[in-house]
Amino acid sequence: MRKCEVCGNEYWGVFEIRTAGGGVHLFDSFECAITKLAPVCEHCGCRIIGHGVEINGRFFCSAHCARAVDESKGQQLRDAVGNPAG
């Protein structure tokens, strides 16, 4: 059996993720994969597991966090949450 590189769990269902940079990683859950690979929001520190926002190579979980750090660059951004008709 293979072992998750984050938690060390040996499990028959361990899966492999290959990154664009050529890295190969083994995980037993998406939670462990997120812990290892997901970028961190520069404002609030949460893991970015959705699309997020990138401004000049800096990553944020939302437009709100991007504006909080760089208002001039983030003012054109809008979070797409909620009812667009309402």
Protein backbone atom coordinates (compact mmCIF):
# COMPACT_ATOMS: atom_id res chain seq x y z
CA MET A 1 0.00 0.00 0.00
CA ARG A 2 1.04 3.55 -0.63
CA LYS A 3 1.26 6.30 1.99
CA CYS A 4 -0.21 9.81 2.05
CA GLU A 5 2.62 12.35 2.17
CA VAL A 6 0.67 14.70 4.47
CA CYS A 7 -0.89 12.50 7.17
CA GLY A 8 1.13 9.31 6.67
CA ASN A 9 -1.97 7.12 6.33
CA GLU A 10 -1.33 3.88 4.45
CA TYR A 11 -4.39 3.24 2.35
CA TRP A 12 -5.36 1.26 -0.74
CA GLY A 13 -7.11 4.35 -2.19
CA VAL A 14 -4.12 6.70 -2.15
CA PHE A 15 -4.16 8.78 -5.34
CA GLU A 16 -1.50 10.63 -7.26
CA ILE A 17 -1.47 14.26 -8.34
CA ARG A 18 1.06 15.54 -10.87
CA THR A 19 1.74 19.27 -10.84
CA ALA A 20 2.55 21.48 -13.81
CA GLY A 21 6.10 21.81 -12.48
CA GLY A 22 6.63 18.06 -12.71
CA GLY A 23 6.05 17.17 -9.06
CA VAL A 24 4.29 13.94 -8.13
CA HIS A 25 2.37 13.79 -4.86
CA LEU A 26 0.48 11.01 -3.07
CA PHE A 27 -2.61 11.71 -0.94
CA ASP A 28 -5.33 9.70 0.76
CA SER A 29 -7.90 12.52 0.71
CA PHE A 30 -8.69 15.81 -0.97
CA GLU A 31 -8.22 17.45 2.42
CA CYS A 32 -4.56 16.38 2.47
CA ALA A 33 -4.09 17.45 -1.16
CA ILE A 34 -5.52 20.89 -0.38
CA THR A 35 -3.31 21.21 2.69
CA LYS A 36 -0.20 20.52 0.62
CA LEU A 37 -0.99 22.14 -2.74
CA ALA A 38 -3.63 24.88 -2.47
CA PRO A 39 -2.34 28.46 -2.42
CA VAL A 40 -2.97 30.62 0.66
CA CYS A 41 -4.85 33.93 0.53
CA GLU A 42 -2.41 36.76 1.24
CA HIS A 43 -5.02 38.65 3.24
CA CYS A 44 -6.99 36.20 5.40
CA GLY A 45 -4.73 33.15 5.24
CA CYS A 46 -7.36 30.63 4.14
CA ARG A 47 -6.59 27.98 1.54
CA ILE A 48 -7.87 28.92 -1.91
CA ILE A 49 -9.84 25.94 -3.16
CA GLY A 50 -12.00 27.81 -5.66
CA HIS A 51 -10.94 30.06 -8.50
CA GLY A 52 -9.65 32.84 -6.28
CA VAL A 53 -8.19 36.09 -7.57
CA GLU A 54 -4.67 36.82 -8.78
CA ILE A 55 -3.26 40.34 -8.98
CA ASN A 56 0.32 40.74 -10.15
CA GLY A 57 1.27 37.25 -8.99
CA ARG A 58 -0.40 37.64 -5.57
CA PHE A 59 -3.22 35.25 -4.67
CA PHE A 60 -6.44 36.01 -2.80
CA CYS A 61 -9.51 33.94 -1.99
CA SER A 62 -11.90 36.71 -3.05
CA ALA A 63 -12.19 40.19 -4.51
CA HIS A 64 -12.87 41.46 -0.99
CA CYS A 65 -9.48 40.23 0.24
CA ALA A 66 -7.73 41.54 -2.88
CA ARG A 67 -9.22 45.01 -2.31
CA ALA A 68 -8.22 44.92 1.36
CA VAL A 69 -4.56 44.53 0.37
CA ASP A 70 -4.40 46.53 -2.88
CA GLU A 71 -7.44 48.75 -3.29
CA SER A 72 -6.22 50.39 -6.51
CA LYS A 73 -5.81 47.08 -8.33
CA GLY A 74 -8.75 45.35 -6.66
CA GLN A 75 -11.45 47.95 -7.18
CA GLN A 76 -12.50 46.51 -10.56
CA LEU A 77 -12.98 43.04 -9.09
CA ARG A 78 -16.33 41.73 -7.91
CA ASP A 79 -17.15 38.54 -6.05
CA ALA A 80 -19.70 36.47 -7.96
CA VAL A 81 -21.79 35.25 -5.04
CA GLY A 82 -25.54 35.48 -4.63
CA ASN A 83 -28.43 36.08 -6.96
CA PRO A 84 -27.33 38.21 -9.97
CA ALA A 85 -30.94 39.22 -10.63
CA GLY A 86 -31.62 40.33 -7.14
